Amino acid sequence: MAINFVLESEPEDKPERKRFNDYPIHDLESWSKMPSISWLVDNLIPAQGTGFLYGPTGHYKSFVAISIAGCINTGTPLADKKINKQGRALFCLTEGFSGFGYRLRGWEQYHDDTPLLANFWRYPVDLSANQKVDELMERIRDAEIPDLRLIFIDTWIKSIGAIQTNSDIETIACIKNMERIAAAFNCFVFAIDHPGKDADRGLRGSSVKNQGVDVVIKVKAKDRDVSLFTEKLKEGDTSVLNHTFEVRQVEVKPPVGQEANEQWRIMDGNPRQTLVVDFGETKRKSCETKARDLFEDGLDEEMVRSQLKQEYSKAQVSKALAKIRNSDGNFEETQ
């Protein structure tokens, strides 16, 4: 009779199970205890995230970006929205580097020689290559920019390598690298971009550009006025930014004590003009924004319609009220 012996083996040490503490699973109660979203600009630009600032060529996008940086730097409200975290901006320029300093100086002069604490460089950004993005982040770390709140990548099309611009997969990979930069420096990253052939149909290229970021702001200019529209705001109401501002012309002068520096010296006898987008005062709100303001003041639809017709066309009024009705469903348009 055969007897089978079963030998007990020593228990093996089980490897410790990896814990994914960065990705906890929530129920409603634990979720409700989480801190609310942190805003750089109240209800408009998150403290950390990604976005596009876009508009046609020649519509003052870079000047708008400089004025946004000025608001963040000085704490001046942006379109009546509070700045919650003051700090610096970094401009990664793939074009316009040689004249960018004049634009910054123009902003300072227009604002009573208030220093604009911003940094800029001509660096070959390539969001399509992870290694290139690693190198970019290392360079930024080496610069030790204090209180870095905003990074502008100007322009998107020159900062995405050789990807197919209509490719969803390649585009989202570039946006993911923008997110990596934003997370590394706990800041907001804007890419400056252009619309497609039909400017009214949004950003050029893949539709995931709009879907994949937190904020999309459209810039549209007419003569020396520039209007800003929030087309996408993942964590808020797109009506918060729908304003028109004036564009001012400034003759650039050197800062005191820097007159002998080369870039200022070459202006001697050759005055340099630049432009500034004045965020200090809203020239005109859109019809929709004005309508929402009036509703918040307690006016009914007929009173709102009557007041709007004093400033806007009948078509603009009807369109604005219809848009509010469709988004809010809080009133019915009177025939």
C-alpha atoms as a PDB file:
ATOM      1  CA  MET A   1       0.000   0.000   0.000  1.00  0.00           C
ATOM      2  CA  ALA A   2       1.526   3.222  -1.097  1.00  0.00           C
ATOM      3  CA  ILE A   3       1.424   6.164   1.241  1.00  0.00           C
ATOM      4  CA  ASN A   4       1.611   9.623  -0.173  1.00  0.00           C
ATOM      5  CA  PHE A   5       3.303  12.155   2.042  1.00  0.00           C
ATOM      6  CA  VAL A   6       2.394  15.790   1.610  1.00  0.00           C
ATOM      7  CA  LEU A   7       5.137  18.025   2.834  1.00  0.00           C
ATOM      8  CA  GLU A   8       4.146  21.456   4.014  1.00  0.00           C
ATOM      9  CA  SER A   9       6.291  24.046   2.353  1.00  0.00           C
ATOM     10  CA  GLU A  10       7.328  27.211   4.054  1.00  0.00           C
ATOM     11  CA  PRO A  11       4.851  30.004   3.302  1.00  0.00           C
ATOM     12  CA  GLU A  12       6.202  32.325   0.677  1.00  0.00           C
ATOM     13  CA  ASP A  13       6.398  36.005   1.394  1.00  0.00           C
ATOM     14  CA  LYS A  14       3.728  37.623  -0.715  1.00  0.00           C
ATOM     15  CA  PRO A  15       4.765  40.865  -2.358  1.00  0.00           C
ATOM     16  CA  GLU A  16       3.094  43.860  -0.837  1.00  0.00           C
ATOM     17  CA  ARG A  17       0.153  44.937  -2.916  1.00  0.00           C
ATOM     18  CA  LYS A  18       0.691  48.245  -4.652  1.00  0.00           C
ATOM     19  CA  ARG A  19      -1.632  50.912  -3.346  1.00  0.00           C
ATOM     20  CA  PHE A  20      -3.029  53.486  -5.720  1.00  0.00           C
ATOM     21  CA  ASN A  21      -3.524  56.261  -3.195  1.00  0.00           C
ATOM     22  CA  ASP A  22      -3.518  58.859  -5.951  1.00  0.00           C
ATOM     23  CA  TYR A  23      -6.750  57.414  -7.337  1.00  0.00           C
ATOM     24  CA  PRO A  24      -9.110  56.720  -4.406  1.00  0.00           C
ATOM     25  CA  ILE A  25     -12.587  55.381  -5.089  1.00  0.00           C
ATOM     26  CA  HIS A  26     -15.249  57.665  -3.624  1.00  0.00           C
ATOM     27  CA  ASP A  27     -18.808  57.402  -2.488  1.00  0.00           C
ATOM     28  CA  LEU A  28     -21.064  60.456  -2.352  1.00  0.00           C
ATOM     29  CA  GLU A  29     -20.104  61.340   1.234  1.00  0.00           C
ATOM     30  CA  SER A  30     -16.332  61.161   0.726  1.00  0.00           C
ATOM     31  CA  TRP A  31     -16.660  63.089  -2.538  1.00  0.00           C
ATOM     32  CA  SER A  32     -18.612  65.838  -0.764  1.00  0.00           C
ATOM     33  CA  LYS A  33     -15.689  66.359   1.629  1.00  0.00           C
ATOM     34  CA  MET A  34     -13.196  66.989  -1.162  1.00  0.00           C
ATOM     35  CA  PRO A  35     -11.895  70.557  -1.606  1.00  0.00           C
ATOM     36  CA  SER A  36     -13.597  72.563  -4.326  1.00  0.00           C
ATOM     37  CA  ILE A  37     -11.806  73.510  -7.533  1.00  0.00           C
ATOM     38  CA  SER A  38      -9.029  76.067  -7.132  1.00  0.00           C
ATOM     39  CA  TRP A  39      -9.353  79.028  -9.516  1.00  0.00           C
ATOM     40  CA  LEU A  40      -6.558  81.225 -10.837  1.00  0.00           C
ATOM     41  CA  VAL A  41      -9.164  83.646 -12.207  1.00  0.00           C
ATOM     42  CA  ASP A  42     -12.463  83.231 -10.388  1.00  0.00           C
ATOM     43  CA  ASN A  43     -14.849  80.945 -12.318  1.00  0.00           C
ATOM     44  CA  LEU A  44     -12.837  81.401 -15.518  1.00  0.00           C
ATOM     45  CA  ILE A  45      -9.296  79.945 -15.440  1.00  0.00           C
ATOM     46  CA  PRO A  46      -8.468  77.055 -13.070  1.00  0.00           C
ATOM     47  CA  ALA A  47      -5.249  77.203 -11.063  1.00  0.00           C
ATOM     48  CA  GLN A  48      -4.109  74.045 -12.851  1.00  0.00           C
ATOM     49  CA  GLY A  49      -5.218  72.909 -16.278  1.00  0.00           C
ATOM     50  CA  THR A  50      -4.995  73.432 -20.010  1.00  0.00           C
ATOM     51  CA  GLY A  51      -6.692  75.576 -22.600  1.00  0.00           C
ATOM     52  CA  PHE A  52      -6.659  77.266 -25.974  1.00  0.00           C
ATOM     53  CA  LEU A  53      -6.675  80.988 -26.696  1.00  0.00           C
ATOM     54  CA  TYR A  54      -7.479  81.259 -30.378  1.00  0.00           C
ATOM     55  CA  GLY A  55      -8.495  83.629 -33.137  1.00  0.00           C
ATOM     56  CA  PRO A  56      -7.636  84.605 -36.713  1.00  0.00           C
ATOM     57  CA  THR A  57      -4.263  86.064 -37.650  1.00  0.00           C
ATOM     58  CA  GLY A  58      -4.030  89.751 -36.769  1.00  0.00           C
ATOM     59  CA  HIS A  59      -6.715  89.658 -34.077  1.00  0.00           C
ATOM     60  CA  TYR A  60      -4.404  90.659 -31.199  1.00  0.00           C
ATOM     61  CA  LYS A  61      -4.084  87.212 -29.578  1.00  0.00           C
ATOM     62  CA  SER A  62      -0.558  87.839 -28.269  1.00  0.00           C
ATOM     63  CA  PHE A  63      -1.600  91.231 -26.886  1.00  0.00           C
ATOM     64  CA  VAL A  64      -4.565  89.594 -25.150  1.00  0.00           C
ATOM     65  CA  ALA A  65      -2.192  87.009 -23.637  1.00  0.00           C
ATOM     66  CA  ILE A  66       0.094  89.770 -22.342  1.00  0.00           C
ATOM     67  CA  SER A  67      -2.846  91.583 -20.738  1.00  0.00           C
ATOM     68  CA  ILE A  68      -4.028  88.340 -19.107  1.00  0.00           C
ATOM     69  CA  ALA A  69      -0.498  87.916 -17.728  1.00  0.00           C
ATOM     70  CA  GLY A  70      -0.628  91.507 -16.488  1.00  0.00           C
ATOM     71  CA  CYS A  71      -3.832  90.810 -14.559  1.00  0.00           C
ATOM     72  CA  ILE A  72      -2.339  87.695 -12.959  1.00  0.00           C
ATOM     73  CA  ASN A  73       0.846  89.579 -12.110  1.00  0.00           C
ATOM     74  CA  THR A  74      -0.777  92.637 -10.551  1.00  0.00           C
ATOM     75  CA  GLY A  75      -3.997  91.130  -9.183  1.00  0.00           C
ATOM     76  CA  THR A  76      -6.122  93.373 -11.394  1.00  0.00           C
ATOM     77  CA  PRO A  77      -9.537  91.719 -12.063  1.00  0.00           C
ATOM     78  CA  LEU A  78      -9.988  90.166 -15.494  1.00  0.00           C
ATOM     79  CA  ALA A  79     -13.423  91.014 -16.918  1.00  0.00           C
ATOM     80  CA  ASP A  80     -14.590  91.731 -13.361  1.00  0.00           C
ATOM     81  CA  LYS A  81     -13.321  88.319 -12.217  1.00  0.00           C
ATOM     82  CA  LYS A  82     -11.124  88.164  -9.122  1.00  0.00           C
ATOM     83  CA  ILE A  83      -7.504  87.008  -9.383  1.00  0.00           C
ATOM     84  CA  ASN A  84      -7.024  84.425  -6.639  1.00  0.00           C
ATOM     85  CA  LYS A  85      -3.328  83.672  -7.120  1.00  0.00           C
ATOM     86  CA  GLN A  86      -0.937  86.374  -8.282  1.00  0.00           C
ATOM     87  CA  GLY A  87       2.296  85.427  -9.992  1.00  0.00           C
ATOM     88  CA  ARG A  88       4.311  85.302 -13.173  1.00  0.00           C
ATOM     89  CA  ALA A  89       3.725  84.072 -16.692  1.00  0.00           C
ATOM     90  CA  LEU A  90       6.170  82.325 -19.021  1.00  0.00           C
ATOM     91  CA  PHE A  91       5.816  82.791 -22.782  1.00  0.00           C
ATOM     92  CA  CYS A  92       7.264  80.005 -24.940  1.00  0.00           C
ATOM     93  CA  LEU A  93       7.612  81.755 -28.284  1.00  0.00           C
ATOM     94  CA  THR A  94       7.993  79.996 -31.612  1.00  0.00           C
ATOM     95  CA  GLU A  95       7.506  83.306 -33.429  1.00  0.00           C
ATOM     96  CA  GLY A  96       7.702  87.025 -32.717  1.00  0.00           C
ATOM     97  CA  PHE A  97      10.536  86.794 -30.186  1.00  0.00           C
ATOM     98  CA  SER A  98      12.556  89.778 -31.442  1.00  0.00           C
ATOM     99  CA  GLY A  99       9.706  92.239 -30.922  1.00  0.00           C
ATOM    100  CA  PHE A 100       8.098  90.683 -27.864  1.00  0.00           C
ATOM    101  CA  GLY A 101      10.015  92.805 -25.378  1.00  0.00           C
ATOM    102  CA  TYR A 102       8.584  95.962 -26.938  1.00  0.00           C
ATOM    103  CA  ARG A 103       5.085  94.589 -26.395  1.00  0.00           C
ATOM    104  CA  LEU A 104       5.772  93.878 -22.725  1.00  0.00           C
ATOM    105  CA  ARG A 105       7.288  97.325 -22.289  1.00  0.00           C
ATOM    106  CA  GLY A 106       4.231  98.890 -23.951  1.00  0.00           C
ATOM    107  CA  TRP A 107       1.994  97.210 -21.374  1.00  0.00           C
ATOM    108  CA  GLU A 108       4.176  98.595 -18.558  1.00  0.00           C
ATOM    109  CA  GLN A 109       4.054 102.132 -19.933  1.00  0.00           C
ATOM    110  CA  TYR A 110       0.305 102.064 -20.450  1.00  0.00           C
ATOM    111  CA  HIS A 111      -0.092 100.995 -16.830  1.00  0.00           C
ATOM    112  CA  ASP A 112       1.981 103.850 -15.362  1.00  0.00           C
ATOM    113  CA  ASP A 113       5.283 101.958 -15.581  1.00  0.00           C
ATOM    114  CA  THR A 114       3.983  99.074 -13.484  1.00  0.00           C
ATOM    115  CA  PRO A 115       6.573  96.278 -13.865  1.00  0.00           C
ATOM    116  CA  LEU A 116       5.209  93.263 -15.717  1.00  0.00           C
ATOM    117  CA  LEU A 117       6.987  90.339 -14.094  1.00  0.00           C
ATOM    118  CA  ALA A 118       6.908  87.897 -16.993  1.00  0.00           C
ATOM    119  CA  ASN A 119       9.530  85.720 -18.657  1.00  0.00           C
ATOM    120  CA  PHE A 120       9.830  84.752 -22.306  1.00  0.00           C
ATOM    121  CA  TRP A 121      12.131  82.657 -24.424  1.00  0.00           C
ATOM    122  CA  ARG A 122      12.590  81.276 -27.898  1.00  0.00           C
ATOM    123  CA  TYR A 123      12.513  77.562 -27.179  1.00  0.00           C
ATOM    124  CA  PRO A 124      11.729  74.726 -29.641  1.00  0.00           C
ATOM    125  CA  VAL A 125       8.666  73.262 -27.909  1.00  0.00           C
ATOM    126  CA  ASP A 126       7.541  69.897 -29.294  1.00  0.00           C
ATOM    127  CA  LEU A 127       4.438  68.618 -27.515  1.00  0.00           C
ATOM    128  CA  SER A 128       4.361  65.494 -29.684  1.00  0.00           C
ATOM    129  CA  ALA A 129       7.567  64.061 -28.171  1.00  0.00           C
ATOM    130  CA  ASN A 130       7.607  63.011 -24.510  1.00  0.00           C
ATOM    131  CA  GLN A 131      11.387  63.317 -24.256  1.00  0.00           C
ATOM    132  CA  LYS A 132      11.294  66.867 -25.646  1.00  0.00           C
ATOM    133  CA  VAL A 133       8.641  67.782 -23.100  1.00  0.00           C
ATOM    134  CA  ASP A 134      10.795  66.271 -20.328  1.00  0.00           C
ATOM    135  CA  GLU A 135      13.669  68.487 -21.477  1.00  0.00           C
ATOM    136  CA  LEU A 136      11.380  71.530 -21.591  1.00  0.00           C
ATOM    137  CA  MET A 137      10.228  70.943 -18.022  1.00  0.00           C
ATOM    138  CA  GLU A 138      13.795  70.483 -16.846  1.00  0.00           C
ATOM    139  CA  ARG A 139      14.795  73.802 -18.388  1.00  0.00           C
ATOM    140  CA  ILE A 140      11.875  75.540 -16.700  1.00  0.00           C
ATOM    141  CA  ARG A 141      12.835  73.997 -13.355  1.00  0.00           C
ATOM    142  CA  ASP A 142      16.401  75.207 -13.831  1.00  0.00           C
ATOM    143  CA  ALA A 143      15.104  78.752 -14.387  1.00  0.00           C
ATOM    144  CA  GLU A 144      13.484  78.731 -10.912  1.00  0.00           C
ATOM    145  CA  ILE A 145      10.731  81.163 -11.889  1.00  0.00           C
ATOM    146  CA  PRO A 146       8.990  82.230  -8.670  1.00  0.00           C
ATOM    147  CA  ASP A 147       5.185  81.951  -8.414  1.00  0.00           C
ATOM    148  CA  LEU A 148       4.756  80.618 -11.952  1.00  0.00           C
ATOM    149  CA  ARG A 149       1.004  80.679 -12.637  1.00  0.00           C
ATOM    150  CA  LEU A 150       0.657  80.722 -16.429  1.00  0.00           C
ATOM    151  CA  ILE A 151       2.528  79.262 -19.378  1.00  0.00           C
ATOM    152  CA  PHE A 152       1.636  80.420 -22.900  1.00  0.00           C
ATOM    153  CA  ILE A 153       2.758  78.287 -25.853  1.00  0.00           C
ATOM    154  CA  ASP A 154       2.750  80.564 -28.906  1.00  0.00           C
ATOM    155  CA  THR A 155       1.849  79.042 -31.289  1.00  0.00           C
ATOM    156  CA  TRP A 156       0.244  75.561 -31.112  1.00  0.00           C
ATOM    157  CA  ILE A 157       0.839  74.750 -34.774  1.00  0.00           C
ATOM    158  CA  LYS A 158       4.614  75.306 -34.430  1.00  0.00           C
ATOM    159  CA  SER A 159       4.799  73.362 -31.159  1.00  0.00           C
ATOM    160  CA  ILE A 160       3.340  69.973 -32.144  1.00  0.00           C
ATOM    161  CA  GLY A 161       6.106  68.532 -34.285  1.00  0.00           C
ATOM    162  CA  ALA A 162       5.027  66.858 -37.500  1.00  0.00           C
ATOM    163  CA  ILE A 163       1.707  65.370 -36.360  1.00  0.00           C
ATOM    164  CA  GLN A 164      -1.346  65.183 -38.567  1.00  0.00           C
ATOM    165  CA  THR A 165      -3.421  68.080 -37.238  1.00  0.00           C
ATOM    166  CA  ASN A 166      -6.692  66.212 -37.876  1.00  0.00           C
ATOM    167  CA  SER A 167      -5.519  63.109 -36.007  1.00  0.00           C
ATOM    168  CA  ASP A 168      -7.465  62.646 -32.771  1.00  0.00           C
ATOM    169  CA  ILE A 169      -4.847  60.269 -31.328  1.00  0.00           C
ATOM    170  CA  GLU A 170      -1.844  62.493 -32.045  1.00  0.00           C
ATOM    171  CA  THR A 171      -3.657  65.640 -30.926  1.00  0.00           C
ATOM    172  CA  ILE A 172      -4.758  64.175 -27.591  1.00  0.00           C
ATOM    173  CA  ALA A 173      -1.175  63.007 -26.980  1.00  0.00           C
ATOM    174  CA  CYS A 174      -0.033  66.637 -27.331  1.00  0.00           C
ATOM    175  CA  ILE A 175      -2.767  67.800 -24.951  1.00  0.00           C
ATOM    176  CA  LYS A 176      -1.690  65.128 -22.467  1.00  0.00           C
ATOM    177  CA  ASN A 177       1.792  66.632 -22.534  1.00  0.00           C
ATOM    178  CA  MET A 178       0.293  70.057 -21.844  1.00  0.00           C
ATOM    179  CA  GLU A 179      -1.372  68.451 -18.825  1.00  0.00           C
ATOM    180  CA  ARG A 180       1.991  67.046 -17.699  1.00  0.00           C
ATOM    181  CA  ILE A 181       3.499  70.539 -17.816  1.00  0.00           C
ATOM    182  CA  ALA A 182       0.552  72.013 -15.908  1.00  0.00           C
ATOM    183  CA  ALA A 183       0.823  69.308 -13.217  1.00  0.00           C
ATOM    184  CA  ALA A 184       4.608  69.662 -12.901  1.00  0.00           C
ATOM    185  CA  PHE A 185       4.379  73.379 -12.104  1.00  0.00           C
ATOM    186  CA  ASN A 186       0.843  73.532 -10.674  1.00  0.00           C
ATOM    187  CA  CYS A 187      -0.064  76.183 -13.237  1.00  0.00           C
ATOM    188  CA  PHE A 188      -2.338  76.745 -16.212  1.00  0.00           C
ATOM    189  CA  VAL A 189      -1.034  76.150 -19.743  1.00  0.00           C
ATOM    190  CA  PHE A 190      -2.551  78.039 -22.674  1.00  0.00           C
ATOM    191  CA  ALA A 191      -1.739  77.192 -26.300  1.00  0.00           C
ATOM    192  CA  ILE A 192      -2.321  80.076 -28.719  1.00  0.00           C
ATOM    193  CA  ASP A 193      -3.961  78.832 -31.894  1.00  0.00           C
ATOM    194  CA  HIS A 194      -5.982  79.714 -34.993  1.00  0.00           C
ATOM    195  CA  PRO A 195      -9.431  78.746 -36.308  1.00  0.00           C
ATOM    196  CA  GLY A 196      -9.994  76.617 -39.371  1.00  0.00           C
ATOM    197  CA  LYS A 197     -10.911  77.940 -42.804  1.00  0.00           C
ATOM    198  CA  ASP A 198     -14.349  78.806 -41.461  1.00  0.00           C
ATOM    199  CA  ALA A 199     -13.550  80.942 -38.422  1.00  0.00           C
ATOM    200  CA  ASP A 200     -17.070  80.469 -37.033  1.00  0.00           C
ATOM    201  CA  ARG A 201     -16.608  76.702 -36.719  1.00  0.00           C
ATOM    202  CA  GLY A 202     -14.013  76.823 -33.984  1.00  0.00           C
ATOM    203  CA  LEU A 203     -10.445  75.609 -33.599  1.00  0.00           C
ATOM    204  CA  ARG A 204      -8.454  74.333 -36.546  1.00  0.00           C
ATOM    205  CA  GLY A 205      -7.828  70.592 -36.718  1.00  0.00           C
ATOM    206  CA  SER A 206      -9.137  67.726 -34.620  1.00  0.00           C
ATOM    207  CA  SER A 207     -12.325  68.181 -32.597  1.00  0.00           C
ATOM    208  CA  VAL A 208     -10.625  66.653 -29.539  1.00  0.00           C
ATOM    209  CA  LYS A 209      -8.814  69.959 -29.046  1.00  0.00           C
ATOM    210  CA  ASN A 210     -12.023  71.456 -27.726  1.00  0.00           C
ATOM    211  CA  GLN A 211     -13.057  68.313 -25.877  1.00  0.00           C
ATOM    212  CA  GLY A 212      -9.688  67.637 -24.271  1.00  0.00           C
ATOM    213  CA  VAL A 213      -8.954  70.913 -22.461  1.00  0.00           C
ATOM    214  CA  ASP A 214     -10.506  72.850 -19.593  1.00  0.00           C
ATOM    215  CA  VAL A 215     -10.943  76.258 -21.225  1.00  0.00           C
ATOM    216  CA  VAL A 216     -11.302  77.579 -24.779  1.00  0.00           C
ATOM    217  CA  ILE A 217     -11.345  81.361 -25.280  1.00  0.00           C
ATOM    218  CA  LYS A 218     -12.053  82.850 -28.696  1.00  0.00           C
ATOM    219  CA  VAL A 219     -10.552  86.214 -29.682  1.00  0.00           C
ATOM    220  CA  LYS A 220     -12.261  88.300 -32.341  1.00  0.00           C
ATOM    221  CA  ALA A 221     -11.244  91.821 -33.341  1.00  0.00           C
ATOM    222  CA  LYS A 222     -12.949  94.583 -35.260  1.00  0.00           C
ATOM    223  CA  ASP A 223     -10.973  97.754 -35.931  1.00  0.00           C
ATOM    224  CA  ARG A 224      -9.394  98.621 -32.555  1.00  0.00           C
ATOM    225  CA  ASP A 225     -11.829  96.621 -30.440  1.00  0.00           C
ATOM    226  CA  VAL A 226     -11.220  93.028 -29.363  1.00  0.00           C
ATOM    227  CA  SER A 227     -13.889  90.685 -28.017  1.00  0.00           C
ATOM    228  CA  LEU A 228     -13.293  87.610 -25.870  1.00  0.00           C
ATOM    229  CA  PHE A 229     -15.757  84.717 -25.744  1.00  0.00           C
ATOM    230  CA  THR A 230     -15.585  81.608 -23.558  1.00  0.00           C
ATOM    231  CA  GLU A 231     -16.457  78.723 -25.871  1.00  0.00           C
ATOM    232  CA  LYS A 232     -15.546  75.958 -23.404  1.00  0.00           C
ATOM    233  CA  LEU A 233     -15.373  75.998 -19.609  1.00  0.00           C
ATOM    234  CA  LYS A 234     -15.352  72.496 -18.188  1.00  0.00           C
ATOM    235  CA  GLU A 235     -16.123  73.529 -14.624  1.00  0.00           C
ATOM    236  CA  GLY A 236     -18.334  76.564 -15.162  1.00  0.00           C
ATOM    237  CA  ASP A 237     -20.679  78.718 -17.224  1.00  0.00           C
ATOM    238  CA  THR A 238     -19.390  79.912 -20.594  1.00  0.00           C
ATOM    239  CA  SER A 239     -21.246  83.213 -20.229  1.00  0.00           C
ATOM    240  CA  VAL A 240     -18.676  84.481 -17.678  1.00  0.00           C
ATOM    241  CA  LEU A 241     -16.480  85.936 -20.428  1.00  0.00           C
ATOM    242  CA  ASN A 242     -18.281  87.607 -23.298  1.00  0.00           C
ATOM    243  CA  HIS A 243     -16.789  91.088 -23.345  1.00  0.00           C
ATOM    244  CA  THR A 244     -15.291  93.681 -25.668  1.00  0.00           C
ATOM    245  CA  PHE A 245     -12.205  95.760 -24.838  1.00  0.00           C
ATOM    246  CA  GLU A 246     -10.339  98.603 -26.510  1.00  0.00           C
ATOM    247  CA  VAL A 247      -6.934  98.230 -28.122  1.00  0.00           C
ATOM    248  CA  ARG A 248      -4.651 101.199 -27.426  1.00  0.00           C
ATOM    249  CA  GLN A 249      -1.535 102.355 -29.257  1.00  0.00           C
ATOM    250  CA  VAL A 250       1.614 103.130 -27.254  1.00  0.00           C
ATOM    251  CA  GLU A 251       4.947 104.644 -28.289  1.00  0.00           C
ATOM    252  CA  VAL A 252       7.579 102.512 -26.617  1.00  0.00           C
ATOM    253  CA  LYS A 253      10.201 104.189 -24.445  1.00  0.00           C
ATOM    254  CA  PRO A 254      13.120 102.505 -22.622  1.00  0.00           C
ATOM    255  CA  PRO A 255      12.884 101.830 -18.901  1.00  0.00           C
ATOM    256  CA  VAL A 256      14.885 104.299 -16.824  1.00  0.00           C
ATOM    257  CA  GLY A 257      18.508 103.217 -16.618  1.00  0.00           C
ATOM    258  CA  GLN A 258      18.338 100.872 -19.606  1.00  0.00           C
ATOM    259  CA  GLU A 259      18.657 103.453 -22.392  1.00  0.00           C
ATOM    260  CA  ALA A 260      22.114 102.230 -23.428  1.00  0.00           C
ATOM    261  CA  ASN A 261      21.018  98.605 -23.848  1.00  0.00           C
ATOM    262  CA  GLU A 262      21.123  97.453 -27.463  1.00  0.00           C
ATOM    263  CA  GLN A 263      17.408  96.808 -27.979  1.00  0.00           C
ATOM    264  CA  TRP A 264      16.535 100.294 -26.693  1.00  0.00           C
ATOM    265  CA  ARG A 265      19.475 102.053 -28.322  1.00  0.00           C
ATOM    266  CA  ILE A 266      18.427 100.980 -31.822  1.00  0.00           C
ATOM    267  CA  MET A 267      15.144 102.874 -31.299  1.00  0.00           C
ATOM    268  CA  ASP A 268      16.998 106.190 -31.038  1.00  0.00           C
ATOM    269  CA  GLY A 269      15.479 108.360 -33.753  1.00  0.00           C
ATOM    270  CA  ASN A 270      13.200 105.491 -34.815  1.00  0.00           C
ATOM    271  CA  PRO A 271      10.192 105.498 -32.481  1.00  0.00           C
ATOM    272  CA  ARG A 272       8.618 102.081 -31.951  1.00  0.00           C
ATOM    273  CA  GLN A 273       4.847 101.688 -31.694  1.00  0.00           C
ATOM    274  CA  THR A 274       3.056  98.788 -30.034  1.00  0.00           C
ATOM    275  CA  LEU A 275      -0.448  97.908 -28.870  1.00  0.00           C
ATOM    276  CA  VAL A 276      -2.088  97.160 -25.518  1.00  0.00           C
ATOM    277  CA  VAL A 277      -5.446  95.518 -24.860  1.00  0.00           C
ATOM    278  CA  ASP A 278      -7.035  97.570 -22.081  1.00  0.00           C
ATOM    279  CA  PHE A 279      -8.703  95.198 -19.601  1.00  0.00           C
ATOM    280  CA  GLY A 280      -9.206  98.049 -17.163  1.00  0.00           C
ATOM    281  CA  GLU A 281     -12.652  98.878 -18.475  1.00  0.00           C
ATOM    282  CA  THR A 282     -15.136  96.822 -20.444  1.00  0.00           C
ATOM    283  CA  LYS A 283     -16.147  98.823 -23.498  1.00  0.00           C
ATOM    284  CA  ARG A 284     -19.173  96.738 -24.306  1.00  0.00           C
ATOM    285  CA  LYS A 285     -20.653  93.492 -23.066  1.00  0.00           C
ATOM    286  CA  SER A 286     -22.233  91.051 -25.449  1.00  0.00           C
ATOM    287  CA  CYS A 287     -25.999  91.033 -25.774  1.00  0.00           C
ATOM    288  CA  GLU A 288     -26.168  87.665 -24.007  1.00  0.00           C
ATOM    289  CA  THR A 289     -24.036  88.830 -21.057  1.00  0.00           C
ATOM    290  CA  LYS A 290     -26.067  92.019 -20.711  1.00  0.00           C
ATOM    291  CA  ALA A 291     -29.281  89.978 -20.774  1.00  0.00           C
ATOM    292  CA  ARG A 292     -28.027  87.664 -18.035  1.00  0.00           C
ATOM    293  CA  ASP A 293     -27.049  90.678 -15.927  1.00  0.00           C
ATOM    294  CA  LEU A 294     -30.550  92.104 -16.284  1.00  0.00           C
ATOM    295  CA  PHE A 295     -32.185  88.792 -15.352  1.00  0.00           C
ATOM    296  CA  GLU A 296     -29.961  88.624 -12.260  1.00  0.00           C
ATOM    297  CA  ASP A 297     -31.201  92.110 -11.353  1.00  0.00           C
ATOM    298  CA  GLY A 298     -34.725  90.692 -11.205  1.00  0.00           C
ATOM    299  CA  LEU A 299     -36.158  91.995 -14.483  1.00  0.00           C
ATOM    300  CA  ASP A 300     -38.664  89.857 -16.337  1.00  0.00           C
ATOM    301  CA  GLU A 301     -38.296  88.918 -19.978  1.00  0.00           C
ATOM    302  CA  GLU A 302     -40.336  91.785 -21.410  1.00  0.00           C
ATOM    303  CA  MET A 303     -38.336  94.342 -19.437  1.00  0.00           C
ATOM    304  CA  VAL A 304     -35.070  92.691 -20.474  1.00  0.00           C
ATOM    305  CA  ARG A 305     -36.106  92.653 -24.122  1.00  0.00           C
ATOM    306  CA  SER A 306     -37.115  96.318 -23.953  1.00  0.00           C
ATOM    307  CA  GLN A 307     -33.802  97.425 -22.456  1.00  0.00           C
ATOM    308  CA  LEU A 308     -31.699  95.338 -24.821  1.00  0.00           C
ATOM    309  CA  LYS A 309     -33.420  96.821 -27.888  1.00  0.00           C
ATOM    310  CA  GLN A 310     -32.064 100.239 -26.912  1.00  0.00           C
ATOM    311  CA  GLU A 311     -28.508  99.004 -27.508  1.00  0.00           C
ATOM    312  CA  TYR A 312     -28.682  95.943 -29.763  1.00  0.00           C
ATOM    313  CA  SER A 313     -30.481  94.917 -32.920  1.00  0.00           C
ATOM    314  CA  LYS A 314     -33.697  92.882 -32.844  1.00  0.00           C
ATOM    315  CA  ALA A 315     -31.846  89.876 -34.271  1.00  0.00           C
ATOM    316  CA  GLN A 316     -29.126  90.085 -31.591  1.00  0.00           C
ATOM    317  CA  VAL A 317     -31.736  90.293 -28.835  1.00  0.00           C
ATOM    318  CA  SER A 318     -33.717  87.316 -30.134  1.00  0.00           C
ATOM    319  CA  LYS A 319     -30.583  85.228 -30.534  1.00  0.00           C
ATOM    320  CA  ALA A 320     -29.330  86.049 -27.022  1.00  0.00           C
ATOM    321  CA  LEU A 321     -32.667  85.268 -25.354  1.00  0.00           C
ATOM    322  CA  ALA A 322     -33.006  82.034 -27.299  1.00  0.00           C
ATOM    323  CA  LYS A 323     -29.523  80.947 -26.237  1.00  0.00           C
ATOM    324  CA  ILE A 324     -30.275  81.661 -22.578  1.00  0.00           C
ATOM    325  CA  ARG A 325     -33.568  79.809 -22.822  1.00  0.00           C
ATOM    326  CA  ASN A 326     -31.924  76.768 -24.402  1.00  0.00           C
ATOM    327  CA  SER A 327     -29.098  76.658 -21.868  1.00  0.00           C
ATOM    328  CA  ASP A 328     -31.063  77.513 -18.717  1.00  0.00           C
ATOM    329  CA  GLY A 329     -34.667  76.688 -19.533  1.00  0.00           C
ATOM    330  CA  ASN A 330     -35.727  79.260 -16.974  1.00  0.00           C
ATOM    331  CA  PHE A 331     -38.083  81.351 -19.066  1.00  0.00           C
ATOM    332  CA  GLU A 332     -40.196  81.159 -22.189  1.00  0.00           C
ATOM    333  CA  GLU A 333     -39.721  83.674 -24.933  1.00  0.00           C
ATOM    334  CA  THR A 334     -42.742  85.866 -25.489  1.00  0.00           C
ATOM    335  CA  GLN A 335     -43.968  85.968 -29.058  1.00  0.00           C
END
